[in-house]
Amino acid sequence: MAVTVSLVLLFGLVLFFLLRSNSLGYGSAFVAAGFGFFLASTGASGPINELTAAVIHAIPNL
């Protein structure tokens, strides 16, 4: 749970700075957030979570 919250905060900060620097429009940000929301409710959420956890566990071994 702590990793998920951290990733949500990280992606939220990235999205905030992209919006602030005008690299990303508000419409694109809405589409990206909607895509993430609907992707989380599909069968792809399990493998995405497993891949994220594997990458996080592999980082200390680099």
PDB file of N, CA and C in Angstrom:
ATOM      1  N   MET A   1       0.818  -1.192   0.000  1.00  0.00           N
ATOM      2  CA  MET A   1       0.000   0.000   0.000  1.00  0.00           C
ATOM      3  C   MET A   1       0.864   1.259   0.000  1.00  0.00           C
ATOM      4  N   ALA A   2       1.965   1.241   0.739  1.00  0.00           N
ATOM      5  CA  ALA A   2       2.822   2.425   0.808  1.00  0.00           C
ATOM      6  C   ALA A   2       3.458   2.724  -0.533  1.00  0.00           C
ATOM      7  N   VAL A   3       3.815   1.676  -1.283  1.00  0.00           N
ATOM      8  CA  VAL A   3       4.411   1.882  -2.598  1.00  0.00           C
ATOM      9  C   VAL A   3       3.389   2.488  -3.550  1.00  0.00           C
ATOM     10  N   THR A   4       2.151   2.024  -3.481  1.00  0.00           N
ATOM     11  CA  THR A   4       1.106   2.546  -4.350  1.00  0.00           C
ATOM     12  C   THR A   4       0.864   4.028  -4.091  1.00  0.00           C
ATOM     13  N   VAL A   5       0.804   4.405  -2.840  1.00  0.00           N
ATOM     14  CA  VAL A   5       0.584   5.806  -2.502  1.00  0.00           C
ATOM     15  C   VAL A   5       1.763   6.642  -2.979  1.00  0.00           C
ATOM     16  N   SER A   6       2.976   6.124  -2.813  1.00  0.00           N
ATOM     17  CA  SER A   6       4.157   6.850  -3.260  1.00  0.00           C
ATOM     18  C   SER A   6       4.144   7.038  -4.772  1.00  0.00           C
ATOM     19  N   LEU A   7       3.763   6.021  -5.514  1.00  0.00           N
ATOM     20  CA  LEU A   7       3.717   6.131  -6.964  1.00  0.00           C
ATOM     21  C   LEU A   7       2.624   7.086  -7.413  1.00  0.00           C
ATOM     22  N   VAL A   8       1.505   7.073  -6.720  1.00  0.00           N
ATOM     23  CA  VAL A   8       0.431   8.014  -7.050  1.00  0.00           C
ATOM     24  C   VAL A   8       0.911   9.441  -6.830  1.00  0.00           C
ATOM     25  N   LEU A   9       1.611   9.679  -5.731  1.00  0.00           N
ATOM     26  CA  LEU A   9       2.146  11.018  -5.467  1.00  0.00           C
ATOM     27  C   LEU A   9       3.197  11.400  -6.507  1.00  0.00           C
ATOM     28  N   LEU A  10       4.058  10.456  -6.877  1.00  0.00           N
ATOM     29  CA  LEU A  10       5.084  10.728  -7.877  1.00  0.00           C
ATOM     30  C   LEU A  10       4.456  11.094  -9.218  1.00  0.00           C
ATOM     31  N   PHE A  11       3.510  10.284  -9.677  1.00  0.00           N
ATOM     32  CA  PHE A  11       2.860  10.562 -10.949  1.00  0.00           C
ATOM     33  C   PHE A  11       2.031  11.848 -10.881  1.00  0.00           C
ATOM     34  N   GLY A  12       1.443  12.111  -9.723  1.00  0.00           N
ATOM     35  CA  GLY A  12       0.709  13.364  -9.560  1.00  0.00           C
ATOM     36  C   GLY A  12       1.620  14.575  -9.660  1.00  0.00           C
ATOM     37  N   LEU A  13       2.806  14.488  -9.055  1.00  0.00           N
ATOM     38  CA  LEU A  13       3.766  15.589  -9.149  1.00  0.00           C
ATOM     39  C   LEU A  13       4.260  15.782 -10.582  1.00  0.00           C
ATOM     40  N   VAL A  14       4.544  14.678 -11.264  1.00  0.00           N
ATOM     41  CA  VAL A  14       4.980  14.778 -12.664  1.00  0.00           C
ATOM     42  C   VAL A  14       3.892  15.434 -13.507  1.00  0.00           C
ATOM     43  N   LEU A  15       2.660  15.009 -13.306  1.00  0.00           N
ATOM     44  CA  LEU A  15       1.546  15.592 -14.045  1.00  0.00           C
ATOM     45  C   LEU A  15       1.393  17.077 -13.727  1.00  0.00           C
ATOM     46  N   PHE A  16       1.542  17.443 -12.458  1.00  0.00           N
ATOM     47  CA  PHE A  16       1.452  18.847 -12.058  1.00  0.00           C
ATOM     48  C   PHE A  16       2.507  19.684 -12.772  1.00  0.00           C
ATOM     49  N   PHE A  17       3.749  19.211 -12.776  1.00  0.00           N
ATOM     50  CA  PHE A  17       4.818  19.986 -13.402  1.00  0.00           C
ATOM     51  C   PHE A  17       4.688  20.029 -14.922  1.00  0.00           C
ATOM     52  N   LEU A  18       4.169  18.966 -15.531  1.00  0.00           N
ATOM     53  CA  LEU A  18       3.921  19.007 -16.971  1.00  0.00           C
ATOM     54  C   LEU A  18       2.837  20.022 -17.308  1.00  0.00           C
ATOM     55  N   LEU A  19       1.815  20.080 -16.482  1.00  0.00           N
ATOM     56  CA  LEU A  19       0.762  21.068 -16.703  1.00  0.00           C
ATOM     57  C   LEU A  19       1.285  22.485 -16.487  1.00  0.00           C
ATOM     58  N   ARG A  20       2.112  22.660 -15.473  1.00  0.00           N
ATOM     59  CA  ARG A  20       2.626  23.991 -15.156  1.00  0.00           C
ATOM     60  C   ARG A  20       3.582  24.514 -16.229  1.00  0.00           C
ATOM     61  N   SER A  21       4.336  23.601 -16.847  1.00  0.00           N
ATOM     62  CA  SER A  21       5.291  24.028 -17.878  1.00  0.00           C
ATOM     63  C   SER A  21       4.659  24.068 -19.267  1.00  0.00           C
ATOM     64  N   ASN A  22       3.369  23.872 -19.347  1.00  0.00           N
ATOM     65  CA  ASN A  22       2.623  23.867 -20.611  1.00  0.00           C
ATOM     66  C   ASN A  22       3.113  22.811 -21.588  1.00  0.00           C
ATOM     67  N   SER A  23       3.739  21.738 -21.069  1.00  0.00           N
ATOM     68  CA  SER A  23       4.137  20.614 -21.909  1.00  0.00           C
ATOM     69  C   SER A  23       2.963  19.680 -22.156  1.00  0.00           C
ATOM     70  N   LEU A  24       1.945  19.832 -21.346  1.00  0.00           N
ATOM     71  CA  LEU A  24       0.779  18.968 -21.428  1.00  0.00           C
ATOM     72  C   LEU A  24      -0.446  19.836 -21.190  1.00  0.00           C
ATOM     73  N   GLY A  25      -1.420  19.703 -22.073  1.00  0.00           N
ATOM     74  CA  GLY A  25      -2.642  20.480 -21.919  1.00  0.00           C
ATOM     75  C   GLY A  25      -3.589  19.843 -20.925  1.00  0.00           C
ATOM     76  N   TYR A  26      -4.583  20.593 -20.496  1.00  0.00           N
ATOM     77  CA  TYR A  26      -5.550  20.075 -19.525  1.00  0.00           C
ATOM     78  C   TYR A  26      -6.379  18.932 -20.107  1.00  0.00           C
ATOM     79  N   GLY A  27      -6.698  19.015 -21.378  1.00  0.00           N
ATOM     80  CA  GLY A  27      -7.441  17.922 -22.015  1.00  0.00           C
ATOM     81  C   GLY A  27      -6.642  16.639 -22.039  1.00  0.00           C
ATOM     82  N   SER A  28      -5.359  16.739 -22.352  1.00  0.00           N
ATOM     83  CA  SER A  28      -4.485  15.564 -22.367  1.00  0.00           C
ATOM     84  C   SER A  28      -4.320  14.980 -20.972  1.00  0.00           C
ATOM     85  N   ALA A  29      -4.223  15.851 -19.978  1.00  0.00           N
ATOM     86  CA  ALA A  29      -4.108  15.374 -18.600  1.00  0.00           C
ATOM     87  C   ALA A  29      -5.373  14.639 -18.175  1.00  0.00           C
ATOM     88  N   PHE A  30      -6.520  15.146 -18.575  1.00  0.00           N
ATOM     89  CA  PHE A  30      -7.786  14.486 -18.251  1.00  0.00           C
ATOM     90  C   PHE A  30      -7.863  13.119 -18.908  1.00  0.00           C
ATOM     91  N   VAL A  31      -7.439  13.029 -20.167  1.00  0.00           N
ATOM     92  CA  VAL A  31      -7.449  11.749 -20.878  1.00  0.00           C
ATOM     93  C   VAL A  31      -6.478  10.772 -20.215  1.00  0.00           C
ATOM     94  N   ALA A  32      -5.285  11.247 -19.824  1.00  0.00           N
ATOM     95  CA  ALA A  32      -4.303  10.377 -19.175  1.00  0.00           C
ATOM     96  C   ALA A  32      -4.825   9.854 -17.836  1.00  0.00           C
ATOM     97  N   ALA A  33      -5.451  10.719 -17.047  1.00  0.00           N
ATOM     98  CA  ALA A  33      -6.006  10.297 -15.765  1.00  0.00           C
ATOM     99  C   ALA A  33      -7.158   9.318 -15.965  1.00  0.00           C
ATOM    100  N   GLY A  34      -8.009   9.602 -16.928  1.00  0.00           N
ATOM    101  CA  GLY A  34      -9.113   8.686 -17.226  1.00  0.00           C
ATOM    102  C   GLY A  34      -8.621   7.336 -17.708  1.00  0.00           C
ATOM    103  N   PHE A  35      -7.579   7.338 -18.544  1.00  0.00           N
ATOM    104  CA  PHE A  35      -7.002   6.083 -19.028  1.00  0.00           C
ATOM    105  C   PHE A  35      -6.454   5.266 -17.858  1.00  0.00           C
ATOM    106  N   GLY A  36      -5.746   5.927 -16.952  1.00  0.00           N
ATOM    107  CA  GLY A  36      -5.208   5.223 -15.786  1.00  0.00           C
ATOM    108  C   GLY A  36      -6.306   4.670 -14.900  1.00  0.00           C
ATOM    109  N   PHE A  37      -7.370   5.441 -14.731  1.00  0.00           N
ATOM    110  CA  PHE A  37      -8.492   4.987 -13.905  1.00  0.00           C
ATOM    111  C   PHE A  37      -9.142   3.748 -14.506  1.00  0.00           C
ATOM    112  N   PHE A  38      -9.406   3.783 -15.814  1.00  0.00           N
ATOM    113  CA  PHE A  38     -10.060   2.641 -16.446  1.00  0.00           C
ATOM    114  C   PHE A  38      -9.112   1.459 -16.614  1.00  0.00           C
ATOM    115  N   LEU A  39      -7.824   1.712 -16.789  1.00  0.00           N
ATOM    116  CA  LEU A  39      -6.850   0.629 -16.879  1.00  0.00           C
ATOM    117  C   LEU A  39      -6.772  -0.128 -15.564  1.00  0.00           C
ATOM    118  N   ALA A  40      -6.924   0.576 -14.450  1.00  0.00           N
ATOM    119  CA  ALA A  40      -6.859  -0.062 -13.140  1.00  0.00           C
ATOM    120  C   ALA A  40      -8.014  -1.035 -12.916  1.00  0.00           C
ATOM    121  N   SER A  41      -9.102  -0.874 -13.620  1.00  0.00           N
ATOM    122  CA  SER A  41     -10.256  -1.745 -13.427  1.00  0.00           C
ATOM    123  C   SER A  41     -10.264  -2.911 -14.403  1.00  0.00           C
ATOM    124  N   THR A  42      -9.232  -3.063 -15.222  1.00  0.00           N
ATOM    125  CA  THR A  42      -9.169  -4.168 -16.173  1.00  0.00           C
ATOM    126  C   THR A  42      -8.282  -5.282 -15.638  1.00  0.00           C
ATOM    127  N   GLY A  43      -8.160  -6.325 -16.406  1.00  0.00           N
ATOM    128  CA  GLY A  43      -7.297  -7.437 -16.042  1.00  0.00           C
ATOM    129  C   GLY A  43      -5.830  -7.096 -16.137  1.00  0.00           C
ATOM    130  N   ALA A  44      -5.499  -5.978 -16.761  1.00  0.00           N
ATOM    131  CA  ALA A  44      -4.097  -5.577 -16.900  1.00  0.00           C
ATOM    132  C   ALA A  44      -3.525  -5.018 -15.605  1.00  0.00           C
ATOM    133  N   SER A  45      -4.362  -4.714 -14.644  1.00  0.00           N
ATOM    134  CA  SER A  45      -3.857  -4.102 -13.415  1.00  0.00           C
ATOM    135  C   SER A  45      -2.968  -5.057 -12.623  1.00  0.00           C
ATOM    136  N   GLY A  46      -3.285  -6.345 -12.637  1.00  0.00           N
ATOM    137  CA  GLY A  46      -2.463  -7.329 -11.910  1.00  0.00           C
ATOM    138  C   GLY A  46      -1.041  -7.397 -12.435  1.00  0.00           C
ATOM    139  N   PRO A  47      -0.856  -7.643 -13.743  1.00  0.00           N
ATOM    140  CA  PRO A  47       0.515  -7.673 -14.275  1.00  0.00           C
ATOM    141  C   PRO A  47       1.251  -6.342 -14.141  1.00  0.00           C
ATOM    142  N   ILE A  48       0.545  -5.220 -14.260  1.00  0.00           N
ATOM    143  CA  ILE A  48       1.195  -3.917 -14.105  1.00  0.00           C
ATOM    144  C   ILE A  48       1.683  -3.744 -12.666  1.00  0.00           C
ATOM    145  N   ASN A  49       0.879  -4.141 -11.700  1.00  0.00           N
ATOM    146  CA  ASN A  49       1.293  -4.059 -10.299  1.00  0.00           C
ATOM    147  C   ASN A  49       2.476  -4.975 -10.016  1.00  0.00           C
ATOM    148  N   GLU A  50       2.461  -6.186 -10.598  1.00  0.00           N
ATOM    149  CA  GLU A  50       3.567  -7.121 -10.409  1.00  0.00           C
ATOM    150  C   GLU A  50       4.848  -6.590 -11.035  1.00  0.00           C
ATOM    151  N   LEU A  51       4.749  -6.006 -12.221  1.00  0.00           N
ATOM    152  CA  LEU A  51       5.919  -5.435 -12.883  1.00  0.00           C
ATOM    153  C   LEU A  51       6.480  -4.272 -12.078  1.00  0.00           C
ATOM    154  N   THR A  52       5.615  -3.418 -11.573  1.00  0.00           N
ATOM    155  CA  THR A  52       6.052  -2.283 -10.759  1.00  0.00           C
ATOM    156  C   THR A  52       6.745  -2.768  -9.492  1.00  0.00           C
ATOM    157  N   ALA A  53       6.170  -3.760  -8.843  1.00  0.00           N
ATOM    158  CA  ALA A  53       6.784  -4.303  -7.625  1.00  0.00           C
ATOM    159  C   ALA A  53       8.141  -4.932  -7.932  1.00  0.00           C
ATOM    160  N   ALA A  54       8.262  -5.635  -9.055  1.00  0.00           N
ATOM    161  CA  ALA A  54       9.542  -6.242  -9.435  1.00  0.00           C
ATOM    162  C   ALA A  54      10.604  -5.187  -9.694  1.00  0.00           C
ATOM    163  N   VAL A  55      10.228  -4.107 -10.353  1.00  0.00           N
ATOM    164  CA  VAL A  55      11.192  -3.040 -10.616  1.00  0.00           C
ATOM    165  C   VAL A  55      11.629  -2.385  -9.305  1.00  0.00           C
ATOM    166  N   ILE A  56      10.681  -2.149  -8.413  1.00  0.00           N
ATOM    167  CA  ILE A  56      11.002  -1.516  -7.131  1.00  0.00           C
ATOM    168  C   ILE A  56      11.934  -2.409  -6.313  1.00  0.00           C
ATOM    169  N   HIS A  57      11.710  -3.719  -6.340  1.00  0.00           N
ATOM    170  CA  HIS A  57      12.569  -4.638  -5.600  1.00  0.00           C
ATOM    171  C   HIS A  57      13.931  -4.796  -6.265  1.00  0.00           C
ATOM    172  N   ALA A  58      14.028  -4.550  -7.572  1.00  0.00           N
ATOM    173  CA  ALA A  58      15.299  -4.697  -8.280  1.00  0.00           C
ATOM    174  C   ALA A  58      16.187  -3.462  -8.141  1.00  0.00           C
ATOM    175  N   ILE A  59      15.623  -2.313  -7.855  1.00  0.00           N
ATOM    176  CA  ILE A  59      16.401  -1.071  -7.774  1.00  0.00           C
ATOM    177  C   ILE A  59      17.533  -1.146  -6.742  1.00  0.00           C
ATOM    178  N   PRO A  60      17.300  -1.666  -5.536  1.00  0.00           N
ATOM    179  CA  PRO A  60      18.406  -1.727  -4.568  1.00  0.00           C
ATOM    180  C   PRO A  60      19.560  -2.635  -5.020  1.00  0.00           C
ATOM    181  N   ASN A  61      19.293  -3.571  -5.908  1.00  0.00           N
ATOM    182  CA  ASN A  61      20.330  -4.505  -6.368  1.00  0.00           C
ATOM    183  C   ASN A  61      21.174  -3.952  -7.494  1.00  0.00           C
ATOM    184  N   LEU A  62      20.902  -2.744  -7.955  1.00  0.00           N
ATOM    185  CA  LEU A  62      21.680  -2.193  -9.058  1.00  0.00           C
ATOM    186  C   LEU A  62      23.037  -1.730  -8.626  1.00  0.00           C
TER     187      LEU A  62
END
